[in-house]
Amino acid sequence: MDEQKLEQIQKIFSNDRFATDNGAVIEQVEEGYAKCWLEIQPHHLNAAGTVMGGAIFTLADFAFAVASNWNKPLHVSTTSQITYLGVARGTRLIAEARKVKEGRSTCYYLVEVKDDLGNEVAHVTASGFSKG
């Protein structure tokens, strides 16, 4: 995908204010796929000094939204489940959303979240419904 198209997609999703205000950035999109990241900042940490689950889920949910919507009618999440696998030890979280199945009105995605050192942080499964 060319840089201009990616910038257009980033502009559209800048309206996803909770995710983008918390630092989520779209790096790459393809059919049924999105890669997003955020730099881990102090406001992403919990009392134990590790990345809060809500920050991890926000990035994963954003990646699902981008992957399922950037070139299609609006999909909204109907269910999501997160499994936390480990602690982020790097400075960046990276979420990759991949389409597993898509029908006329529903979709199912797997989102893998890792840190920039390759440590697995979480897996999210997400189902969506097409409003289009």
C-alpha atoms as a PDB file:
ATOM      1  CA  MET A   1       0.000   0.000   0.000  1.00  0.00           C
ATOM      2  CA  ASP A   2       1.291   3.439  -0.851  1.00  0.00           C
ATOM      3  CA  GLU A   3       2.026   6.073   1.778  1.00  0.00           C
ATOM      4  CA  GLN A   4      -0.758   8.396   0.593  1.00  0.00           C
ATOM      5  CA  LYS A   5      -3.438   5.696   1.018  1.00  0.00           C
ATOM      6  CA  LEU A   6      -2.091   4.833   4.479  1.00  0.00           C
ATOM      7  CA  GLU A   7      -2.242   8.521   5.457  1.00  0.00           C
ATOM      8  CA  GLN A   8      -5.896   8.663   4.306  1.00  0.00           C
ATOM      9  CA  ILE A   9      -6.724   5.627   6.455  1.00  0.00           C
ATOM     10  CA  GLN A  10      -4.868   7.122   9.427  1.00  0.00           C
ATOM     11  CA  LYS A  11      -6.872  10.340   9.031  1.00  0.00           C
ATOM     12  CA  ILE A  12     -10.189   8.464   8.987  1.00  0.00           C
ATOM     13  CA  PHE A  13      -9.301   6.498  12.115  1.00  0.00           C
ATOM     14  CA  SER A  14      -8.007   9.585  13.923  1.00  0.00           C
ATOM     15  CA  ASN A  15     -11.689   9.957  14.860  1.00  0.00           C
ATOM     16  CA  ASP A  16     -11.279   6.872  17.065  1.00  0.00           C
ATOM     17  CA  ARG A  17     -10.287   9.309  19.771  1.00  0.00           C
ATOM     18  CA  PHE A  18      -9.878   7.000  22.762  1.00  0.00           C
ATOM     19  CA  ALA A  19      -7.358   4.825  20.942  1.00  0.00           C
ATOM     20  CA  THR A  20      -5.503   7.601  19.154  1.00  0.00           C
ATOM     21  CA  ASP A  21      -5.461   9.917  22.183  1.00  0.00           C
ATOM     22  CA  ASN A  22      -3.806   7.016  24.022  1.00  0.00           C
ATOM     23  CA  GLY A  23      -1.118   6.749  21.363  1.00  0.00           C
ATOM     24  CA  ALA A  24      -2.398   4.076  18.949  1.00  0.00           C
ATOM     25  CA  VAL A  25      -0.870   4.396  15.466  1.00  0.00           C
ATOM     26  CA  ILE A  26      -1.750   2.512  12.275  1.00  0.00           C
ATOM     27  CA  GLU A  27       1.381   1.146  10.620  1.00  0.00           C
ATOM     28  CA  GLN A  28       0.080  -1.188   7.927  1.00  0.00           C
ATOM     29  CA  VAL A  29      -3.196  -2.375   6.397  1.00  0.00           C
ATOM     30  CA  GLU A  30      -4.035  -5.060   3.878  1.00  0.00           C
ATOM     31  CA  GLU A  31      -7.180  -6.999   3.074  1.00  0.00           C
ATOM     32  CA  GLY A  32      -8.381  -8.425   6.402  1.00  0.00           C
ATOM     33  CA  TYR A  33      -5.269  -7.247   8.245  1.00  0.00           C
ATOM     34  CA  ALA A  34      -3.993  -4.311  10.267  1.00  0.00           C
ATOM     35  CA  LYS A  35      -0.838  -3.677  12.260  1.00  0.00           C
ATOM     36  CA  CYS A  36      -0.994  -0.968  14.913  1.00  0.00           C
ATOM     37  CA  TRP A  37       1.316   0.055  17.736  1.00  0.00           C
ATOM     38  CA  LEU A  38       1.742   2.363  20.663  1.00  0.00           C
ATOM     39  CA  GLU A  39       4.750   3.585  22.597  1.00  0.00           C
ATOM     40  CA  ILE A  40       4.390   2.541  26.221  1.00  0.00           C
ATOM     41  CA  GLN A  41       4.077   5.688  28.341  1.00  0.00           C
ATOM     42  CA  PRO A  42       3.742   6.138  32.119  1.00  0.00           C
ATOM     43  CA  HIS A  43      -0.030   6.643  31.805  1.00  0.00           C
ATOM     44  CA  HIS A  44      -0.313   3.108  30.306  1.00  0.00           C
ATOM     45  CA  LEU A  45       1.072   1.506  33.480  1.00  0.00           C
ATOM     46  CA  ASN A  46      -0.801   0.023  36.413  1.00  0.00           C
ATOM     47  CA  ALA A  47       0.137   0.133  40.110  1.00  0.00           C
ATOM     48  CA  ALA A  48       2.492  -2.839  39.606  1.00  0.00           C
ATOM     49  CA  GLY A  49       4.452  -0.881  36.980  1.00  0.00           C
ATOM     50  CA  THR A  50       3.365  -3.051  34.054  1.00  0.00           C
ATOM     51  CA  VAL A  51       1.118  -2.162  31.124  1.00  0.00           C
ATOM     52  CA  MET A  52      -2.508  -2.054  32.244  1.00  0.00           C
ATOM     53  CA  GLY A  53      -4.824  -4.598  30.644  1.00  0.00           C
ATOM     54  CA  GLY A  54      -7.102  -1.835  29.399  1.00  0.00           C
ATOM     55  CA  ALA A  55      -4.253  -0.276  27.407  1.00  0.00           C
ATOM     56  CA  ILE A  56      -3.462  -3.647  25.831  1.00  0.00           C
ATOM     57  CA  PHE A  57      -7.119  -4.255  25.004  1.00  0.00           C
ATOM     58  CA  THR A  58      -7.557  -0.749  23.595  1.00  0.00           C
ATOM     59  CA  LEU A  59      -4.718  -1.305  21.116  1.00  0.00           C
ATOM     60  CA  ALA A  60      -6.052  -4.754  20.150  1.00  0.00           C
ATOM     61  CA  ASP A  61      -9.598  -3.424  19.695  1.00  0.00           C
ATOM     62  CA  PHE A  62      -8.274  -0.572  17.561  1.00  0.00           C
ATOM     63  CA  ALA A  63      -6.354  -3.024  15.336  1.00  0.00           C
ATOM     64  CA  PHE A  64      -9.545  -5.091  14.929  1.00  0.00           C
ATOM     65  CA  ALA A  65     -11.512  -1.958  14.035  1.00  0.00           C
ATOM     66  CA  VAL A  66      -8.975  -0.904  11.418  1.00  0.00           C
ATOM     67  CA  ALA A  67      -8.623  -4.376   9.881  1.00  0.00           C
ATOM     68  CA  SER A  68     -12.367  -4.946   9.653  1.00  0.00           C
ATOM     69  CA  ASN A  69     -13.390  -1.454   8.520  1.00  0.00           C
ATOM     70  CA  TRP A  70     -10.729   0.334   6.492  1.00  0.00           C
ATOM     71  CA  ASN A  71     -12.138  -0.833   3.136  1.00  0.00           C
ATOM     72  CA  LYS A  72     -15.597  -2.166   4.022  1.00  0.00           C
ATOM     73  CA  PRO A  73     -18.958  -1.067   5.390  1.00  0.00           C
ATOM     74  CA  LEU A  74     -18.945  -0.454   9.127  1.00  0.00           C
ATOM     75  CA  HIS A  75     -18.385  -3.502  11.343  1.00  0.00           C
ATOM     76  CA  VAL A  76     -19.077  -3.176  15.052  1.00  0.00           C
ATOM     77  CA  SER A  77     -17.758  -5.535  17.672  1.00  0.00           C
ATOM     78  CA  THR A  78     -20.292  -7.945  19.135  1.00  0.00           C
ATOM     79  CA  THR A  79     -17.941  -9.952  21.361  1.00  0.00           C
ATOM     80  CA  SER A  80     -14.289  -9.817  22.302  1.00  0.00           C
ATOM     81  CA  GLN A  81     -12.205 -11.993  24.557  1.00  0.00           C
ATOM     82  CA  ILE A  82      -8.693 -11.268  25.705  1.00  0.00           C
ATOM     83  CA  THR A  83      -6.161 -13.709  27.084  1.00  0.00           C
ATOM     84  CA  TYR A  84      -3.140 -12.144  28.724  1.00  0.00           C
ATOM     85  CA  LEU A  85      -0.035 -14.194  27.976  1.00  0.00           C
ATOM     86  CA  GLY A  86       2.827 -12.239  29.478  1.00  0.00           C
ATOM     87  CA  VAL A  87       4.244  -8.898  30.520  1.00  0.00           C
ATOM     88  CA  ALA A  88       5.478  -6.361  27.996  1.00  0.00           C
ATOM     89  CA  ARG A  89       9.195  -5.822  28.571  1.00  0.00           C
ATOM     90  CA  GLY A  90       9.932  -3.540  25.636  1.00  0.00           C
ATOM     91  CA  THR A  91       9.009   0.057  24.936  1.00  0.00           C
ATOM     92  CA  ARG A  92       6.288  -0.533  22.334  1.00  0.00           C
ATOM     93  CA  LEU A  93       3.165  -2.685  22.016  1.00  0.00           C
ATOM     94  CA  ILE A  94       2.358  -4.038  18.553  1.00  0.00           C
ATOM     95  CA  ALA A  95      -1.034  -5.497  17.631  1.00  0.00           C
ATOM     96  CA  GLU A  96      -1.655  -7.469  14.449  1.00  0.00           C
ATOM     97  CA  ALA A  97      -5.282  -8.222  13.563  1.00  0.00           C
ATOM     98  CA  ARG A  98      -5.976 -10.974  11.045  1.00  0.00           C
ATOM     99  CA  LYS A  99      -9.303 -11.978   9.573  1.00  0.00           C
ATOM    100  CA  VAL A 100     -10.132 -15.606  10.291  1.00  0.00           C
ATOM    101  CA  LYS A 101     -13.571 -15.645   8.655  1.00  0.00           C
ATOM    102  CA  GLU A 102     -15.981 -13.163   7.136  1.00  0.00           C
ATOM    103  CA  GLY A 103     -19.520 -13.703   5.942  1.00  0.00           C
ATOM    104  CA  ARG A 104     -22.206 -11.387   4.615  1.00  0.00           C
ATOM    105  CA  SER A 105     -22.954  -9.811   7.976  1.00  0.00           C
ATOM    106  CA  THR A 106     -20.427 -11.168  10.487  1.00  0.00           C
ATOM    107  CA  CYS A 107     -16.682 -11.441  10.858  1.00  0.00           C
ATOM    108  CA  TYR A 108     -14.198 -13.093  13.204  1.00  0.00           C
ATOM    109  CA  TYR A 109     -10.635 -11.881  13.841  1.00  0.00           C
ATOM    110  CA  LEU A 110      -7.617 -12.900  15.885  1.00  0.00           C
ATOM    111  CA  VAL A 111      -5.439 -10.111  17.262  1.00  0.00           C
ATOM    112  CA  GLU A 112      -1.954 -10.909  18.536  1.00  0.00           C
ATOM    113  CA  VAL A 113      -0.285  -8.359  20.788  1.00  0.00           C
ATOM    114  CA  LYS A 114       3.484  -8.459  21.323  1.00  0.00           C
ATOM    115  CA  ASP A 115       6.073  -6.016  22.536  1.00  0.00           C
ATOM    116  CA  ASP A 116       8.887  -4.727  20.353  1.00  0.00           C
ATOM    117  CA  LEU A 117      11.197  -7.418  21.779  1.00  0.00           C
ATOM    118  CA  GLY A 118       8.900 -10.167  20.474  1.00  0.00           C
ATOM    119  CA  ASN A 119       7.361 -11.117  23.824  1.00  0.00           C
ATOM    120  CA  GLU A 120       3.776 -12.358  23.496  1.00  0.00           C
ATOM    121  CA  VAL A 121       1.551 -10.121  25.598  1.00  0.00           C
ATOM    122  CA  ALA A 122      -2.039 -11.073  24.677  1.00  0.00           C
ATOM    123  CA  HIS A 123      -4.365 -12.698  22.172  1.00  0.00           C
ATOM    124  CA  VAL A 124      -7.787 -11.242  21.448  1.00  0.00           C
ATOM    125  CA  THR A 125     -10.578 -12.860  19.507  1.00  0.00           C
ATOM    126  CA  ALA A 126     -13.220 -10.498  18.180  1.00  0.00           C
ATOM    127  CA  SER A 127     -16.507 -11.018  16.394  1.00  0.00           C
ATOM    128  CA  GLY A 128     -18.163  -8.246  14.474  1.00  0.00           C
ATOM    129  CA  PHE A 129     -21.446  -7.456  12.785  1.00  0.00           C
ATOM    130  CA  SER A 130     -21.719  -5.461   9.568  1.00  0.00           C
ATOM    131  CA  LYS A 131     -23.993  -2.429   9.772  1.00  0.00           C
ATOM    132  CA  GLY A 132     -23.576  -1.824   6.046  1.00  0.00           C
END
